[in-house]
Amino acid sequence: MGLYDTVLVACPVCGNLVRFQSKGADMPNLSEYVLPFVPDDVLSNVNRHSPHQCGTCRAWLAVDQATRMAIETTARETDMPEINQWYRNP
């Protein structure tokens, strides 16, 4: 198991902070960032396990990297093709 960085993302439904992992940095070092204040390299890999489910309201969410905002999505389909492809190829 390698190192990763954590990005705290506010749920767009209830505001609860959800933890996203990223291995996008050249040297992930267990740093913790709050969206939208995330380095570009860390942000590039923030959806590696998306969508995530909020532990409070149970909404599904992912990060829109272009706007640096959390978006609500469904459990299996999102507006981001790279995430949809991940689910279609288990």
N, C-alpha and C. Protein backbone atom coordinates (compact mmCIF):
# COMPACT_ATOMS: atom_id res chain seq x y z
N MET A 1 0.84 -1.17 0.00
CA MET A 1 0.00 0.00 0.00
C MET A 1 0.89 1.23 0.00
N GLY A 2 0.65 2.12 -0.97
CA GLY A 2 1.47 3.30 -1.09
C GLY A 2 0.90 4.49 -0.37
N LEU A 3 1.64 5.58 -0.43
CA LEU A 3 1.19 6.81 0.19
C LEU A 3 0.20 7.52 -0.72
N TYR A 4 -0.61 8.36 -0.16
CA TYR A 4 -1.59 9.13 -0.90
C TYR A 4 -1.81 10.44 -0.16
N ASP A 5 -2.45 11.37 -0.83
CA ASP A 5 -2.87 12.63 -0.21
C ASP A 5 -4.38 12.58 -0.04
N THR A 6 -4.91 13.35 0.89
CA THR A 6 -6.34 13.40 1.15
C THR A 6 -6.88 14.77 0.77
N VAL A 7 -8.03 14.75 0.08
CA VAL A 7 -8.72 15.99 -0.26
C VAL A 7 -10.07 15.97 0.45
N LEU A 8 -10.31 16.96 1.29
CA LEU A 8 -11.58 17.08 1.98
C LEU A 8 -12.55 17.85 1.08
N VAL A 9 -13.68 17.21 0.79
CA VAL A 9 -14.65 17.75 -0.15
C VAL A 9 -15.98 17.92 0.57
N ALA A 10 -16.55 19.12 0.52
CA ALA A 10 -17.85 19.37 1.15
C ALA A 10 -18.95 18.78 0.28
N CYS A 11 -19.79 17.96 0.88
CA CYS A 11 -20.93 17.38 0.17
C CYS A 11 -21.81 18.52 -0.35
N PRO A 12 -22.18 18.48 -1.65
CA PRO A 12 -23.01 19.55 -2.20
C PRO A 12 -24.45 19.54 -1.68
N VAL A 13 -24.84 18.48 -0.98
CA VAL A 13 -26.20 18.39 -0.46
C VAL A 13 -26.27 18.88 0.98
N CYS A 14 -25.38 18.35 1.85
CA CYS A 14 -25.48 18.67 3.28
C CYS A 14 -24.28 19.42 3.86
N GLY A 15 -23.17 19.50 3.11
CA GLY A 15 -21.99 20.21 3.59
C GLY A 15 -21.02 19.37 4.40
N ASN A 16 -21.37 18.11 4.69
CA ASN A 16 -20.47 17.22 5.42
C ASN A 16 -19.17 17.05 4.63
N LEU A 17 -18.03 17.00 5.32
CA LEU A 17 -16.75 16.80 4.65
C LEU A 17 -16.54 15.31 4.36
N VAL A 18 -16.23 15.02 3.09
CA VAL A 18 -15.98 13.66 2.63
C VAL A 18 -14.53 13.58 2.22
N ARG A 19 -13.86 12.48 2.58
CA ARG A 19 -12.44 12.31 2.30
C ARG A 19 -12.23 11.59 0.97
N PHE A 20 -11.50 12.24 0.08
CA PHE A 20 -11.11 11.66 -1.21
C PHE A 20 -9.61 11.40 -1.18
N GLN A 21 -9.15 10.29 -1.73
CA GLN A 21 -7.73 9.99 -1.82
C GLN A 21 -7.21 10.36 -3.20
N SER A 22 -5.96 10.79 -3.27
CA SER A 22 -5.32 11.10 -4.54
C SER A 22 -3.88 10.63 -4.52
N LYS A 23 -3.46 10.02 -5.62
CA LYS A 23 -2.06 9.68 -5.81
C LYS A 23 -1.48 10.47 -6.98
N GLY A 24 -2.07 11.64 -7.24
CA GLY A 24 -1.67 12.44 -8.38
C GLY A 24 -0.34 13.15 -8.22
N ALA A 25 0.06 13.45 -7.03
CA ALA A 25 1.33 14.17 -6.82
C ALA A 25 2.51 13.26 -7.15
N ASP A 26 3.63 13.88 -7.54
CA ASP A 26 4.83 13.09 -7.83
C ASP A 26 5.26 12.28 -6.61
N MET A 27 5.10 12.86 -5.45
CA MET A 27 5.48 12.19 -4.21
C MET A 27 4.37 12.38 -3.18
N PRO A 28 3.26 11.62 -3.27
CA PRO A 28 2.20 11.76 -2.25
C PRO A 28 2.79 11.53 -0.86
N ASN A 29 2.41 12.36 0.10
CA ASN A 29 3.05 12.27 1.41
C ASN A 29 2.06 12.42 2.57
N LEU A 30 0.83 11.95 2.36
CA LEU A 30 -0.20 12.00 3.39
C LEU A 30 -0.60 13.42 3.76
N SER A 31 -0.43 14.35 2.80
CA SER A 31 -0.88 15.73 3.02
C SER A 31 -2.40 15.76 2.96
N GLU A 32 -2.98 16.78 3.57
CA GLU A 32 -4.43 16.93 3.57
C GLU A 32 -4.77 18.32 3.02
N TYR A 33 -5.67 18.36 2.06
CA TYR A 33 -6.08 19.61 1.42
C TYR A 33 -7.59 19.74 1.51
N VAL A 34 -8.07 20.97 1.40
CA VAL A 34 -9.50 21.24 1.37
C VAL A 34 -9.84 21.79 -0.02
N LEU A 35 -10.82 21.17 -0.66
CA LEU A 35 -11.26 21.66 -1.96
C LEU A 35 -11.87 23.04 -1.77
N PRO A 36 -11.55 24.03 -2.54
CA PRO A 36 -10.86 24.03 -3.82
C PRO A 36 -9.37 24.32 -3.75
N PHE A 37 -8.79 24.38 -2.56
CA PHE A 37 -7.38 24.75 -2.39
C PHE A 37 -6.49 23.52 -2.46
N VAL A 38 -6.38 22.97 -3.67
CA VAL A 38 -5.66 21.71 -3.91
C VAL A 38 -4.68 21.94 -5.05
N PRO A 39 -3.43 21.50 -4.91
CA PRO A 39 -2.50 21.62 -6.03
C PRO A 39 -3.03 20.86 -7.26
N ASP A 40 -2.71 21.36 -8.45
CA ASP A 40 -3.21 20.76 -9.68
C ASP A 40 -2.85 19.28 -9.81
N ASP A 41 -1.64 18.90 -9.42
CA ASP A 41 -1.25 17.50 -9.58
C ASP A 41 -2.06 16.58 -8.65
N VAL A 42 -2.36 17.04 -7.47
CA VAL A 42 -3.19 16.25 -6.55
C VAL A 42 -4.62 16.18 -7.08
N LEU A 43 -5.13 17.29 -7.58
CA LEU A 43 -6.49 17.34 -8.11
C LEU A 43 -6.66 16.40 -9.31
N SER A 44 -5.60 16.20 -10.08
CA SER A 44 -5.68 15.38 -11.30
C SER A 44 -6.12 13.95 -11.02
N ASN A 45 -5.96 13.46 -9.80
CA ASN A 45 -6.27 12.07 -9.47
C ASN A 45 -7.33 11.95 -8.38
N VAL A 46 -8.04 13.03 -8.10
CA VAL A 46 -8.96 13.07 -6.96
C VAL A 46 -10.16 12.14 -7.14
N ASN A 47 -10.54 11.82 -8.36
CA ASN A 47 -11.71 10.97 -8.59
C ASN A 47 -11.35 9.50 -8.76
N ARG A 48 -10.20 9.07 -8.29
CA ARG A 48 -9.76 7.70 -8.53
C ARG A 48 -10.69 6.65 -7.92
N HIS A 49 -11.43 6.97 -6.90
CA HIS A 49 -12.39 6.04 -6.30
C HIS A 49 -13.82 6.59 -6.34
N SER A 50 -14.08 7.52 -7.23
CA SER A 50 -15.39 8.19 -7.26
C SER A 50 -16.42 7.37 -8.01
N PRO A 51 -17.68 7.62 -7.75
CA PRO A 51 -18.19 8.59 -6.78
C PRO A 51 -18.12 8.05 -5.36
N HIS A 52 -18.07 8.98 -4.41
CA HIS A 52 -18.07 8.66 -2.99
C HIS A 52 -19.47 8.90 -2.43
N GLN A 53 -19.78 8.21 -1.36
CA GLN A 53 -21.08 8.43 -0.72
C GLN A 53 -20.87 9.20 0.57
N CYS A 54 -21.65 10.26 0.75
CA CYS A 54 -21.60 11.06 1.97
C CYS A 54 -22.11 10.21 3.13
N GLY A 55 -21.37 10.22 4.22
CA GLY A 55 -21.76 9.45 5.39
C GLY A 55 -22.93 10.04 6.16
N THR A 56 -23.25 11.29 5.90
CA THR A 56 -24.35 11.95 6.61
C THR A 56 -25.68 11.84 5.86
N CYS A 57 -25.70 12.31 4.61
CA CYS A 57 -26.98 12.34 3.87
C CYS A 57 -27.10 11.23 2.83
N ARG A 58 -26.03 10.45 2.64
CA ARG A 58 -25.99 9.31 1.72
C ARG A 58 -26.01 9.71 0.25
N ALA A 59 -25.82 10.99 -0.07
CA ALA A 59 -25.73 11.43 -1.46
C ALA A 59 -24.42 10.93 -2.05
N TRP A 60 -24.41 10.72 -3.36
CA TRP A 60 -23.19 10.33 -4.07
C TRP A 60 -22.56 11.57 -4.67
N LEU A 61 -21.24 11.69 -4.60
CA LEU A 61 -20.59 12.88 -5.11
C LEU A 61 -19.25 12.56 -5.74
N ALA A 62 -18.83 13.47 -6.60
CA ALA A 62 -17.53 13.42 -7.25
C ALA A 62 -17.04 14.86 -7.34
N VAL A 63 -15.83 15.05 -7.85
CA VAL A 63 -15.26 16.39 -7.98
C VAL A 63 -15.20 16.75 -9.46
N ASP A 64 -15.78 17.88 -9.81
CA ASP A 64 -15.62 18.42 -11.16
C ASP A 64 -14.29 19.17 -11.15
N GLN A 65 -13.30 18.59 -11.79
CA GLN A 65 -11.95 19.16 -11.73
C GLN A 65 -11.86 20.52 -12.41
N ALA A 66 -12.65 20.75 -13.44
CA ALA A 66 -12.59 22.03 -14.16
C ALA A 66 -13.04 23.19 -13.29
N THR A 67 -14.05 22.97 -12.46
CA THR A 67 -14.57 24.05 -11.62
C THR A 67 -14.09 23.95 -10.18
N ARG A 68 -13.41 22.82 -9.84
CA ARG A 68 -12.94 22.58 -8.47
C ARG A 68 -14.10 22.60 -7.48
N MET A 69 -15.21 21.99 -7.89
CA MET A 69 -16.40 21.93 -7.03
C MET A 69 -16.90 20.50 -6.95
N ALA A 70 -17.53 20.19 -5.83
CA ALA A 70 -18.17 18.89 -5.68
C ALA A 70 -19.49 18.91 -6.42
N ILE A 71 -19.82 17.77 -7.05
CA ILE A 71 -21.09 17.66 -7.74
C ILE A 71 -21.80 16.41 -7.24
N GLU A 72 -23.12 16.49 -7.15
CA GLU A 72 -23.91 15.34 -6.77
C GLU A 72 -24.08 14.47 -8.01
N THR A 73 -24.01 13.16 -7.84
CA THR A 73 -24.12 12.24 -8.95
C THR A 73 -24.90 11.01 -8.49
N THR A 74 -25.06 10.06 -9.36
CA THR A 74 -25.71 8.82 -8.97
C THR A 74 -24.64 7.82 -8.56
N ALA A 75 -25.05 6.70 -8.04
CA ALA A 75 -24.09 5.70 -7.56
C ALA A 75 -23.26 5.12 -8.69
N ARG A 76 -23.81 5.01 -9.89
CA ARG A 76 -23.10 4.35 -10.97
C ARG A 76 -22.78 5.22 -12.17
N GLU A 77 -23.49 6.30 -12.38
CA GLU A 77 -23.27 7.12 -13.56
C GLU A 77 -22.97 8.56 -13.14
N THR A 78 -22.04 9.17 -13.82
CA THR A 78 -21.70 10.56 -13.55
C THR A 78 -21.61 11.31 -14.87
N ASP A 79 -21.36 12.59 -14.79
CA ASP A 79 -21.16 13.40 -15.99
C ASP A 79 -19.71 13.33 -16.47
N MET A 80 -18.89 12.52 -15.81
CA MET A 80 -17.48 12.44 -16.17
C MET A 80 -17.18 11.09 -16.80
N PRO A 81 -16.89 11.04 -18.09
CA PRO A 81 -16.68 9.77 -18.79
C PRO A 81 -15.62 8.88 -18.16
N GLU A 82 -14.57 9.48 -17.60
CA GLU A 82 -13.51 8.64 -17.01
C GLU A 82 -14.01 7.86 -15.81
N ILE A 83 -14.97 8.40 -15.07
CA ILE A 83 -15.54 7.67 -13.94
C ILE A 83 -16.50 6.61 -14.44
N ASN A 84 -17.34 6.95 -15.42
CA ASN A 84 -18.25 5.96 -15.99
C ASN A 84 -17.48 4.78 -16.54
N GLN A 85 -16.38 5.02 -17.21
CA GLN A 85 -15.56 3.95 -17.79
C GLN A 85 -15.02 3.06 -16.69
N TRP A 86 -14.62 3.62 -15.57
CA TRP A 86 -14.10 2.83 -14.46
C TRP A 86 -15.16 1.85 -13.96
N TYR A 87 -16.41 2.30 -13.87
CA TYR A 87 -17.48 1.41 -13.40
C TYR A 87 -17.83 0.35 -14.42
N ARG A 88 -17.71 0.63 -15.69
CA ARG A 88 -18.06 -0.34 -16.73
C ARG A 88 -17.00 -1.41 -16.89
N ASN A 89 -15.79 -1.16 -16.44
CA ASN A 89 -14.70 -2.13 -16.56
C ASN A 89 -14.18 -2.52 -15.19
N PRO A 90 -14.92 -3.35 -14.46
CA PRO A 90 -14.50 -3.70 -13.10
C PRO A 90 -13.19 -4.46 -13.07
